[in-house]
Amino acid sequence: MRILVTNDDGVAAPGLEVAEAIARDVAGPGGEVWIVAPAFEQSGVGHALTYNGPIQAEQLGERRFAVSGTPADCVILGCSAFMAGTPPDLVLSGVNRGHNLAEDAVVSGTLGGALEGALQGVRAIALSQYYRTLPLSPEEVAAGVPAPAPIEDRFHASRAHGAETVAALLQLDWSKDLFFNVNFPATNAETVKGRRTAPQGRRASPPFGSEERVSPSGRRYFWLRHRVDNRSAAPETDAALCADGWITIAPMIADYTDQAALDRLRGQIDTPGADGA
């Protein structure tokens, strides 16, 4: 098996080492693992492409490249340039330092890499590690949510359970454009409850806000801030289950069509055809 590994945290990110280890385990002794990752962090870029400018690539070693573009750029170059003629059998994107649950999927560069893999006709999986660093909120404390146990290795769950999770997904039948969004909980490996397939959740409030600062020169500037409120999502969704200690697997597809709305709108706003129908 030939596996292409990318990420959005950058080629030097510790999660990429975890993904590479997972890939080598899955590929087996006779397999190949190719690393094509952004030279610098590309978090939050979604499925962005470097379309109006050149992309630089530096070979760092055998089957290892640093690219000046986005995760989607990396997958395109991997499939069309570095592995041209013998495309990968699998794209792994991650392991992201932080979860990509619920609405995070819309902006995630990690998912952007997996989405591009699907568009390239390659099986693809996004891997993210819930990486909680914030204390419990007052609402969580009031609800009796236990404080997270200390975790010496923040990637402990994904490091221990990543290969078996990927191997299980590879046993399934994959339809066209299908890719998977896998999130590992912020727990030690031995306290992971198991794997659960789940739909993409929706939190009770918008996931991103902003914080204003003032520079020493008196100028205003802002940081975007992610509000961690995964337990506010509906039960049995990816956000709620991962917060409760489960590895979550959300099947996704490269198609934004709202089929229910499409069926409802037909006949309501369509204009008649040339035959008057």
C-alpha atoms as a PDB file:
ATOM      1  CA  MET A   1       0.000   0.000   0.000  1.00  0.00           C
ATOM      2  CA  ARG A   2       1.185   3.501  -0.875  1.00  0.00           C
ATOM      3  CA  ILE A   3       0.072   6.179   1.581  1.00  0.00           C
ATOM      4  CA  LEU A   4       0.330   9.945   1.193  1.00  0.00           C
ATOM      5  CA  VAL A   5       0.470  11.843   4.503  1.00  0.00           C
ATOM      6  CA  THR A   6      -0.197  15.558   4.842  1.00  0.00           C
ATOM      7  CA  ASN A   7      -1.418  17.921   7.578  1.00  0.00           C
ATOM      8  CA  ASP A   8      -2.194  21.563   8.274  1.00  0.00           C
ATOM      9  CA  ASP A   9       0.066  22.098  11.299  1.00  0.00           C
ATOM     10  CA  GLY A  10       3.224  22.041   9.200  1.00  0.00           C
ATOM     11  CA  VAL A  11       5.965  19.603   8.310  1.00  0.00           C
ATOM     12  CA  ALA A  12       7.647  19.974  11.727  1.00  0.00           C
ATOM     13  CA  ALA A  13       4.476  19.375  13.775  1.00  0.00           C
ATOM     14  CA  PRO A  14       4.549  16.507  16.310  1.00  0.00           C
ATOM     15  CA  GLY A  15       1.198  15.206  15.051  1.00  0.00           C
ATOM     16  CA  LEU A  16       2.747  14.534  11.646  1.00  0.00           C
ATOM     17  CA  GLU A  17       5.146  12.083  13.296  1.00  0.00           C
ATOM     18  CA  VAL A  18       2.136  10.276  14.782  1.00  0.00           C
ATOM     19  CA  ALA A  19       0.417  10.153  11.386  1.00  0.00           C
ATOM     20  CA  GLU A  20       3.580   8.846   9.765  1.00  0.00           C
ATOM     21  CA  ALA A  21       3.829   6.067  12.355  1.00  0.00           C
ATOM     22  CA  ILE A  22       0.178   5.167  11.753  1.00  0.00           C
ATOM     23  CA  ALA A  23       0.793   5.122   8.004  1.00  0.00           C
ATOM     24  CA  ARG A  24       3.842   2.869   8.305  1.00  0.00           C
ATOM     25  CA  ASP A  25       1.897   0.454  10.470  1.00  0.00           C
ATOM     26  CA  VAL A  26      -1.001   0.341   8.001  1.00  0.00           C
ATOM     27  CA  ALA A  27       1.193   0.202   4.884  1.00  0.00           C
ATOM     28  CA  GLY A  28       3.176  -2.752   6.184  1.00  0.00           C
ATOM     29  CA  PRO A  29       6.764  -3.793   5.464  1.00  0.00           C
ATOM     30  CA  GLY A  30       6.312  -3.689   1.693  1.00  0.00           C
ATOM     31  CA  GLY A  31       4.429  -0.403   1.616  1.00  0.00           C
ATOM     32  CA  GLU A  32       5.473   3.165   0.929  1.00  0.00           C
ATOM     33  CA  VAL A  33       4.790   6.279   2.983  1.00  0.00           C
ATOM     34  CA  TRP A  34       5.144   9.672   1.332  1.00  0.00           C
ATOM     35  CA  ILE A  35       5.142  12.908   3.343  1.00  0.00           C
ATOM     36  CA  VAL A  36       3.958  16.028   1.532  1.00  0.00           C
ATOM     37  CA  ALA A  37       3.155  18.677   4.123  1.00  0.00           C
ATOM     38  CA  PRO A  38       3.018  22.475   4.357  1.00  0.00           C
ATOM     39  CA  ALA A  39       6.305  24.179   5.155  1.00  0.00           C
ATOM     40  CA  PHE A  40       4.465  26.350   7.698  1.00  0.00           C
ATOM     41  CA  GLU A  41       1.242  26.085   9.685  1.00  0.00           C
ATOM     42  CA  GLN A  42      -1.907  26.299   7.580  1.00  0.00           C
ATOM     43  CA  SER A  43      -4.596  25.835  10.233  1.00  0.00           C
ATOM     44  CA  GLY A  44      -8.026  27.180   9.329  1.00  0.00           C
ATOM     45  CA  VAL A  45      -7.462  27.371   5.568  1.00  0.00           C
ATOM     46  CA  GLY A  46     -10.122  24.767   4.769  1.00  0.00           C
ATOM     47  CA  HIS A  47      -9.889  23.529   1.185  1.00  0.00           C
ATOM     48  CA  ALA A  48      -8.060  26.631  -0.050  1.00  0.00           C
ATOM     49  CA  LEU A  49      -5.781  26.307  -3.078  1.00  0.00           C
ATOM     50  CA  THR A  50      -2.790  28.415  -4.104  1.00  0.00           C
ATOM     51  CA  TYR A  51      -4.337  29.175  -7.465  1.00  0.00           C
ATOM     52  CA  ASN A  52      -2.893  32.550  -8.488  1.00  0.00           C
ATOM     53  CA  GLY A  53       0.758  32.057  -7.656  1.00  0.00           C
ATOM     54  CA  PRO A  54       3.574  29.513  -7.724  1.00  0.00           C
ATOM     55  CA  ILE A  55       4.026  26.798  -5.121  1.00  0.00           C
ATOM     56  CA  GLN A  56       7.519  25.988  -3.937  1.00  0.00           C
ATOM     57  CA  ALA A  57       8.515  22.502  -2.863  1.00  0.00           C
ATOM     58  CA  GLU A  58      11.656  21.376  -1.063  1.00  0.00           C
ATOM     59  CA  GLN A  59      12.664  17.741  -0.815  1.00  0.00           C
ATOM     60  CA  LEU A  60      13.722  17.028   2.764  1.00  0.00           C
ATOM     61  CA  GLY A  61      14.507  13.350   2.312  1.00  0.00           C
ATOM     62  CA  GLU A  62      13.379  10.229   0.556  1.00  0.00           C
ATOM     63  CA  ARG A  63       9.625  10.559  -0.133  1.00  0.00           C
ATOM     64  CA  ARG A  64       9.463  13.667   2.079  1.00  0.00           C
ATOM     65  CA  PHE A  65       8.573  17.153   0.825  1.00  0.00           C
ATOM     66  CA  ALA A  66       7.810  20.549   2.361  1.00  0.00           C
ATOM     67  CA  VAL A  67       5.430  22.659   0.281  1.00  0.00           C
ATOM     68  CA  SER A  68       4.773  26.395   0.463  1.00  0.00           C
ATOM     69  CA  GLY A  69       1.034  25.894   0.031  1.00  0.00           C
ATOM     70  CA  THR A  70      -2.054  24.509   1.741  1.00  0.00           C
ATOM     71  CA  PRO A  71      -2.921  20.910   2.657  1.00  0.00           C
ATOM     72  CA  ALA A  72      -5.045  20.645  -0.496  1.00  0.00           C
ATOM     73  CA  ASP A  73      -2.070  21.904  -2.526  1.00  0.00           C
ATOM     74  CA  CYS A  74       0.060  19.207  -0.906  1.00  0.00           C
ATOM     75  CA  VAL A  75      -2.339  16.444  -1.914  1.00  0.00           C
ATOM     76  CA  ILE A  76      -2.578  17.751  -5.474  1.00  0.00           C
ATOM     77  CA  LEU A  77       1.216  17.873  -5.802  1.00  0.00           C
ATOM     78  CA  GLY A  78       1.551  14.484  -4.191  1.00  0.00           C
ATOM     79  CA  CYS A  79      -0.870  12.887  -6.635  1.00  0.00           C
ATOM     80  CA  SER A  80       0.048  14.812  -9.792  1.00  0.00           C
ATOM     81  CA  ALA A  81       3.788  15.387  -9.385  1.00  0.00           C
ATOM     82  CA  PHE A  82       5.696  13.463  -6.726  1.00  0.00           C
ATOM     83  CA  MET A  83       3.687  10.231  -7.068  1.00  0.00           C
ATOM     84  CA  ALA A  84       2.600  10.742 -10.678  1.00  0.00           C
ATOM     85  CA  GLY A  85       1.922   7.517 -12.531  1.00  0.00           C
ATOM     86  CA  THR A  86       1.577   5.506  -9.330  1.00  0.00           C
ATOM     87  CA  PRO A  87      -0.945   7.426  -7.210  1.00  0.00           C
ATOM     88  CA  PRO A  88      -1.474   6.717  -3.524  1.00  0.00           C
ATOM     89  CA  ASP A  89      -3.938   4.133  -2.271  1.00  0.00           C
ATOM     90  CA  LEU A  90      -4.753   6.270   0.765  1.00  0.00           C
ATOM     91  CA  VAL A  91      -4.417   9.865   1.939  1.00  0.00           C
ATOM     92  CA  LEU A  92      -4.027  10.515   5.669  1.00  0.00           C
ATOM     93  CA  SER A  93      -4.353  14.140   6.799  1.00  0.00           C
ATOM     94  CA  GLY A  94      -3.220  14.904  10.351  1.00  0.00           C
ATOM     95  CA  VAL A  95      -2.843  14.096  13.114  1.00  0.00           C
ATOM     96  CA  ASN A  96      -4.122  17.581  13.852  1.00  0.00           C
ATOM     97  CA  ARG A  97      -3.185  19.227  17.148  1.00  0.00           C
ATOM     98  CA  GLY A  98      -6.742  19.925  18.241  1.00  0.00           C
ATOM     99  CA  HIS A  99     -10.162  18.566  17.424  1.00  0.00           C
ATOM    100  CA  ASN A 100     -12.021  19.099  14.174  1.00  0.00           C
ATOM    101  CA  LEU A 101     -15.568  18.503  15.363  1.00  0.00           C
ATOM    102  CA  ALA A 102     -18.950  19.949  14.441  1.00  0.00           C
ATOM    103  CA  GLU A 103     -18.597  23.278  12.593  1.00  0.00           C
ATOM    104  CA  ASP A 104     -14.793  23.035  12.705  1.00  0.00           C
ATOM    105  CA  ALA A 105     -15.054  20.800   9.648  1.00  0.00           C
ATOM    106  CA  VAL A 106     -15.969  23.815   7.493  1.00  0.00           C
ATOM    107  CA  VAL A 107     -12.690  25.660   8.124  1.00  0.00           C
ATOM    108  CA  SER A 108     -10.317  22.795   8.892  1.00  0.00           C
ATOM    109  CA  GLY A 109      -7.211  22.511   6.739  1.00  0.00           C
ATOM    110  CA  THR A 110      -6.913  18.933   7.967  1.00  0.00           C
ATOM    111  CA  LEU A 111     -10.284  18.111   6.412  1.00  0.00           C
ATOM    112  CA  GLY A 112      -9.314  20.165   3.364  1.00  0.00           C
ATOM    113  CA  GLY A 113      -6.459  17.741   2.723  1.00  0.00           C
ATOM    114  CA  ALA A 114      -8.741  14.727   3.070  1.00  0.00           C
ATOM    115  CA  LEU A 115     -11.413  16.351   0.885  1.00  0.00           C
ATOM    116  CA  GLU A 116      -8.855  16.898  -1.859  1.00  0.00           C
ATOM    117  CA  GLY A 117      -7.847  13.265  -1.593  1.00  0.00           C
ATOM    118  CA  ALA A 118     -11.458  12.272  -2.216  1.00  0.00           C
ATOM    119  CA  LEU A 119     -11.661  14.639  -5.184  1.00  0.00           C
ATOM    120  CA  GLN A 120      -8.514  13.022  -6.569  1.00  0.00           C
ATOM    121  CA  GLY A 121     -10.300   9.668  -6.418  1.00  0.00           C
ATOM    122  CA  VAL A 122      -8.230   8.386  -3.495  1.00  0.00           C
ATOM    123  CA  ARG A 123      -9.560   7.024  -0.208  1.00  0.00           C
ATOM    124  CA  ALA A 124      -8.872   9.682   2.418  1.00  0.00           C
ATOM    125  CA  ILE A 125      -9.103  10.050   6.194  1.00  0.00           C
ATOM    126  CA  ALA A 126      -8.691  13.174   8.341  1.00  0.00           C
ATOM    127  CA  LEU A 127      -7.212  12.478  11.788  1.00  0.00           C
ATOM    128  CA  SER A 128      -7.466  14.949  14.666  1.00  0.00           C
ATOM    129  CA  GLN A 129      -6.525  14.748  18.341  1.00  0.00           C
ATOM    130  CA  TYR A 130      -8.812  16.516  20.838  1.00  0.00           C
ATOM    131  CA  TYR A 131      -6.202  18.577  22.670  1.00  0.00           C
ATOM    132  CA  ARG A 132      -7.993  20.269  25.514  1.00  0.00           C
ATOM    133  CA  THR A 133      -5.885  22.830  27.356  1.00  0.00           C
ATOM    134  CA  LEU A 134      -8.659  25.015  28.788  1.00  0.00           C
ATOM    135  CA  PRO A 135     -10.094  24.513  32.300  1.00  0.00           C
ATOM    136  CA  LEU A 136     -13.669  23.407  32.665  1.00  0.00           C
ATOM    137  CA  SER A 137     -16.201  26.145  32.101  1.00  0.00           C
ATOM    138  CA  PRO A 138     -18.483  27.198  34.995  1.00  0.00           C
ATOM    139  CA  GLU A 139     -21.356  25.464  33.186  1.00  0.00           C
ATOM    140  CA  GLU A 140     -19.363  22.220  32.968  1.00  0.00           C
ATOM    141  CA  VAL A 141     -18.408  22.440  36.636  1.00  0.00           C
ATOM    142  CA  ALA A 142     -22.054  23.024  37.571  1.00  0.00           C
ATOM    143  CA  ALA A 143     -23.072  20.038  35.441  1.00  0.00           C
ATOM    144  CA  GLY A 144     -20.634  17.807  37.315  1.00  0.00           C
ATOM    145  CA  VAL A 145     -18.272  17.218  34.390  1.00  0.00           C
ATOM    146  CA  PRO A 146     -15.081  15.686  35.821  1.00  0.00           C
ATOM    147  CA  ALA A 147     -11.824  17.535  35.301  1.00  0.00           C
ATOM    148  CA  PRO A 148      -9.684  15.922  32.586  1.00  0.00           C
ATOM    149  CA  ALA A 149      -6.989  13.594  33.862  1.00  0.00           C
ATOM    150  CA  PRO A 150      -3.396  14.734  33.308  1.00  0.00           C
ATOM    151  CA  ILE A 151      -2.050  13.460  30.002  1.00  0.00           C
ATOM    152  CA  GLU A 152       1.708  13.349  29.595  1.00  0.00           C
ATOM    153  CA  ASP A 153       1.476  12.534  25.874  1.00  0.00           C
ATOM    154  CA  ARG A 154      -1.219  14.680  24.292  1.00  0.00           C
ATOM    155  CA  PHE A 155      -1.311  12.325  21.284  1.00  0.00           C
ATOM    156  CA  HIS A 156      -1.563   9.206  23.440  1.00  0.00           C
ATOM    157  CA  ALA A 157      -5.034   8.206  22.208  1.00  0.00           C
ATOM    158  CA  SER A 158      -4.307   8.719  18.501  1.00  0.00           C
ATOM    159  CA  ARG A 159      -0.875   7.125  18.768  1.00  0.00           C
ATOM    160  CA  ALA A 160      -2.330   3.994  20.370  1.00  0.00           C
ATOM    161  CA  HIS A 161      -5.589   3.668  18.432  1.00  0.00           C
ATOM    162  CA  GLY A 162      -4.842   5.358  15.108  1.00  0.00           C
ATOM    163  CA  ALA A 163      -3.611   2.393  13.086  1.00  0.00           C
ATOM    164  CA  GLU A 164      -6.424   0.059  14.169  1.00  0.00           C
ATOM    165  CA  THR A 165      -9.007   2.741  13.387  1.00  0.00           C
ATOM    166  CA  VAL A 166      -7.603   3.371   9.903  1.00  0.00           C
ATOM    167  CA  ALA A 167      -7.346  -0.374   9.260  1.00  0.00           C
ATOM    168  CA  ALA A 168     -11.007  -0.835  10.247  1.00  0.00           C
ATOM    169  CA  LEU A 169     -12.104   1.897   7.821  1.00  0.00           C
ATOM    170  CA  LEU A 170     -10.111   0.336   5.003  1.00  0.00           C
ATOM    171  CA  GLN A 171     -12.250  -2.805   5.324  1.00  0.00           C
ATOM    172  CA  LEU A 172     -15.368  -0.861   4.300  1.00  0.00           C
ATOM    173  CA  ASP A 173     -16.787  -0.225   0.847  1.00  0.00           C
ATOM    174  CA  TRP A 174     -16.116   3.384  -0.128  1.00  0.00           C
ATOM    175  CA  SER A 175     -18.435   5.272  -2.445  1.00  0.00           C
ATOM    176  CA  LYS A 176     -17.219   8.020  -4.754  1.00  0.00           C
ATOM    177  CA  ASP A 177     -16.158  11.239  -2.992  1.00  0.00           C
ATOM    178  CA  LEU A 178     -16.473   9.657   0.471  1.00  0.00           C
ATOM    179  CA  PHE A 179     -13.908  10.553   3.118  1.00  0.00           C
ATOM    180  CA  PHE A 180     -13.841  10.155   6.891  1.00  0.00           C
ATOM    181  CA  ASN A 181     -13.345  12.659   9.694  1.00  0.00           C
ATOM    182  CA  VAL A 182     -11.826  10.859  12.704  1.00  0.00           C
ATOM    183  CA  ASN A 183     -11.359  12.566  16.072  1.00  0.00           C
ATOM    184  CA  PHE A 184      -9.577  11.054  19.077  1.00  0.00           C
ATOM    185  CA  PRO A 185     -10.661  12.115  22.583  1.00  0.00           C
ATOM    186  CA  ALA A 186      -8.499  14.061  25.008  1.00  0.00           C
ATOM    187  CA  THR A 187      -7.858  11.073  27.236  1.00  0.00           C
ATOM    188  CA  ASN A 188      -5.129   8.563  27.875  1.00  0.00           C
ATOM    189  CA  ALA A 189      -5.258   5.625  25.471  1.00  0.00           C
ATOM    190  CA  GLU A 190      -6.456   3.170  28.099  1.00  0.00           C
ATOM    191  CA  THR A 191      -9.500   5.294  28.981  1.00  0.00           C
ATOM    192  CA  VAL A 192     -10.785   5.634  25.408  1.00  0.00           C
ATOM    193  CA  LYS A 193     -14.310   4.160  25.434  1.00  0.00           C
ATOM    194  CA  GLY A 194     -14.189   2.825  21.871  1.00  0.00           C
ATOM    195  CA  ARG A 195     -15.174   3.900  18.358  1.00  0.00           C
ATOM    196  CA  ARG A 196     -18.511   5.444  17.353  1.00  0.00           C
ATOM    197  CA  THR A 197     -19.764   6.505  13.945  1.00  0.00           C
ATOM    198  CA  ALA A 198     -21.560   9.819  14.269  1.00  0.00           C
ATOM    199  CA  PRO A 199     -22.927  12.720  12.245  1.00  0.00           C
ATOM    200  CA  GLN A 200     -21.284  16.129  12.268  1.00  0.00           C
ATOM    201  CA  GLY A 201     -22.638  18.039  15.244  1.00  0.00           C
ATOM    202  CA  ARG A 202     -23.694  21.626  15.762  1.00  0.00           C
ATOM    203  CA  ARG A 203     -22.844  23.495  18.943  1.00  0.00           C
ATOM    204  CA  ALA A 204     -25.344  25.672  20.767  1.00  0.00           C
ATOM    205  CA  SER A 205     -23.416  28.859  19.946  1.00  0.00           C
ATOM    206  CA  PRO A 206     -21.090  29.932  17.121  1.00  0.00           C
ATOM    207  CA  PRO A 207     -17.712  28.248  17.570  1.00  0.00           C
ATOM    208  CA  PHE A 208     -15.588  31.325  16.863  1.00  0.00           C
ATOM    209  CA  GLY A 209     -15.505  34.735  18.470  1.00  0.00           C
ATOM    210  CA  SER A 210     -12.945  37.518  18.699  1.00  0.00           C
ATOM    211  CA  GLU A 211     -10.863  39.178  21.394  1.00  0.00           C
ATOM    212  CA  GLU A 212      -9.682  42.742  21.041  1.00  0.00           C
ATOM    213  CA  ARG A 213      -6.195  43.902  22.009  1.00  0.00           C
ATOM    214  CA  VAL A 214      -4.345  47.207  21.830  1.00  0.00           C
ATOM    215  CA  SER A 215      -0.770  47.342  20.562  1.00  0.00           C
ATOM    216  CA  PRO A 216       1.937  49.411  22.320  1.00  0.00           C
ATOM    217  CA  SER A 217       1.425  52.027  19.596  1.00  0.00           C
ATOM    218  CA  GLY A 218      -2.255  52.265  20.428  1.00  0.00           C
ATOM    219  CA  ARG A 219      -3.591  50.410  17.403  1.00  0.00           C
ATOM    220  CA  ARG A 220      -6.510  47.981  17.777  1.00  0.00           C
ATOM    221  CA  TYR A 221      -6.101  44.396  16.675  1.00  0.00           C
ATOM    222  CA  PHE A 222      -8.042  41.201  17.141  1.00  0.00           C
ATOM    223  CA  TRP A 223      -7.462  37.510  17.715  1.00  0.00           C
ATOM    224  CA  LEU A 224     -10.028  34.962  16.644  1.00  0.00           C
ATOM    225  CA  ARG A 225     -10.818  32.629  19.509  1.00  0.00           C
ATOM    226  CA  HIS A 226     -12.314  29.154  19.364  1.00  0.00           C
ATOM    227  CA  ARG A 227     -14.963  28.594  22.006  1.00  0.00           C
ATOM    228  CA  VAL A 228     -14.699  25.022  23.279  1.00  0.00           C
ATOM    229  CA  ASP A 229     -18.263  23.922  23.981  1.00  0.00           C
ATOM    230  CA  ASN A 230     -18.463  20.457  22.489  1.00  0.00           C
ATOM    231  CA  ARG A 231     -20.879  19.146  25.114  1.00  0.00           C
ATOM    232  CA  SER A 232     -23.484  21.660  23.948  1.00  0.00           C
ATOM    233  CA  ALA A 233     -23.897  19.711  20.696  1.00  0.00           C
ATOM    234  CA  ALA A 234     -26.737  17.235  20.391  1.00  0.00           C
ATOM    235  CA  PRO A 235     -26.169  13.806  21.939  1.00  0.00           C
ATOM    236  CA  GLU A 236     -24.778  11.132  19.623  1.00  0.00           C
ATOM    237  CA  THR A 237     -23.049  13.705  17.392  1.00  0.00           C
ATOM    238  CA  ASP A 238     -19.299  13.798  16.880  1.00  0.00           C
ATOM    239  CA  ALA A 239     -18.673  16.743  19.214  1.00  0.00           C
ATOM    240  CA  ALA A 240     -20.658  15.345  22.142  1.00  0.00           C
ATOM    241  CA  LEU A 241     -19.331  11.797  21.810  1.00  0.00           C
ATOM    242  CA  CYS A 242     -15.675  12.819  21.489  1.00  0.00           C
ATOM    243  CA  ALA A 243     -16.003  15.059  24.540  1.00  0.00           C
ATOM    244  CA  ASP A 244     -17.337  11.988  26.358  1.00  0.00           C
ATOM    245  CA  GLY A 245     -14.263   9.899  25.543  1.00  0.00           C
ATOM    246  CA  TRP A 246     -15.133   8.191  22.241  1.00  0.00           C
ATOM    247  CA  ILE A 247     -13.182   8.026  19.006  1.00  0.00           C
ATOM    248  CA  THR A 248     -15.660   9.528  16.563  1.00  0.00           C
ATOM    249  CA  ILE A 249     -15.880   8.681  12.871  1.00  0.00           C
ATOM    250  CA  ALA A 250     -17.985  10.972  10.685  1.00  0.00           C
ATOM    251  CA  PRO A 251     -18.462   9.920   7.048  1.00  0.00           C
ATOM    252  CA  MET A 252     -18.392  12.959   4.766  1.00  0.00           C
ATOM    253  CA  ILE A 253     -18.788  13.607   1.064  1.00  0.00           C
ATOM    254  CA  ALA A 254     -17.503  16.255  -1.321  1.00  0.00           C
ATOM    255  CA  ASP A 255     -20.985  17.517  -2.190  1.00  0.00           C
ATOM    256  CA  TYR A 256     -22.544  20.597  -0.597  1.00  0.00           C
ATOM    257  CA  THR A 257     -25.994  20.010  -2.116  1.00  0.00           C
ATOM    258  CA  ASP A 258     -28.884  20.146   0.348  1.00  0.00           C
ATOM    259  CA  GLN A 259     -30.914  17.387  -1.287  1.00  0.00           C
ATOM    260  CA  ALA A 260     -34.025  18.044   0.804  1.00  0.00           C
ATOM    261  CA  ALA A 261     -34.023  21.732  -0.164  1.00  0.00           C
ATOM    262  CA  LEU A 262     -33.387  20.845  -3.811  1.00  0.00           C
ATOM    263  CA  ASP A 263     -36.367  18.513  -3.908  1.00  0.00           C
ATOM    264  CA  ARG A 264     -38.536  21.105  -2.158  1.00  0.00           C
ATOM    265  CA  LEU A 265     -37.571  23.949  -4.496  1.00  0.00           C
ATOM    266  CA  ARG A 266     -38.163  22.057  -7.733  1.00  0.00           C
ATOM    267  CA  GLY A 267     -41.368  23.330  -9.239  1.00  0.00           C
ATOM    268  CA  GLN A 268     -41.438  26.411  -6.984  1.00  0.00           C
ATOM    269  CA  ILE A 269     -38.864  28.694  -8.602  1.00  0.00           C
ATOM    270  CA  ASP A 270     -37.941  26.799 -11.790  1.00  0.00           C
ATOM    271  CA  THR A 271     -38.960  28.614 -15.001  1.00  0.00           C
ATOM    272  CA  PRO A 272     -40.725  26.675 -17.774  1.00  0.00           C
ATOM    273  CA  GLY A 273     -38.622  25.002 -20.407  1.00  0.00           C
ATOM    274  CA  ALA A 274     -38.699  25.737 -24.120  1.00  0.00           C
ATOM    275  CA  ASP A 275     -41.589  23.298 -24.547  1.00  0.00           C
ATOM    276  CA  GLY A 276     -43.625  25.138 -21.893  1.00  0.00           C
ATOM    277  CA  ALA A 277     -43.304  22.314 -19.401  1.00  0.00           C
END
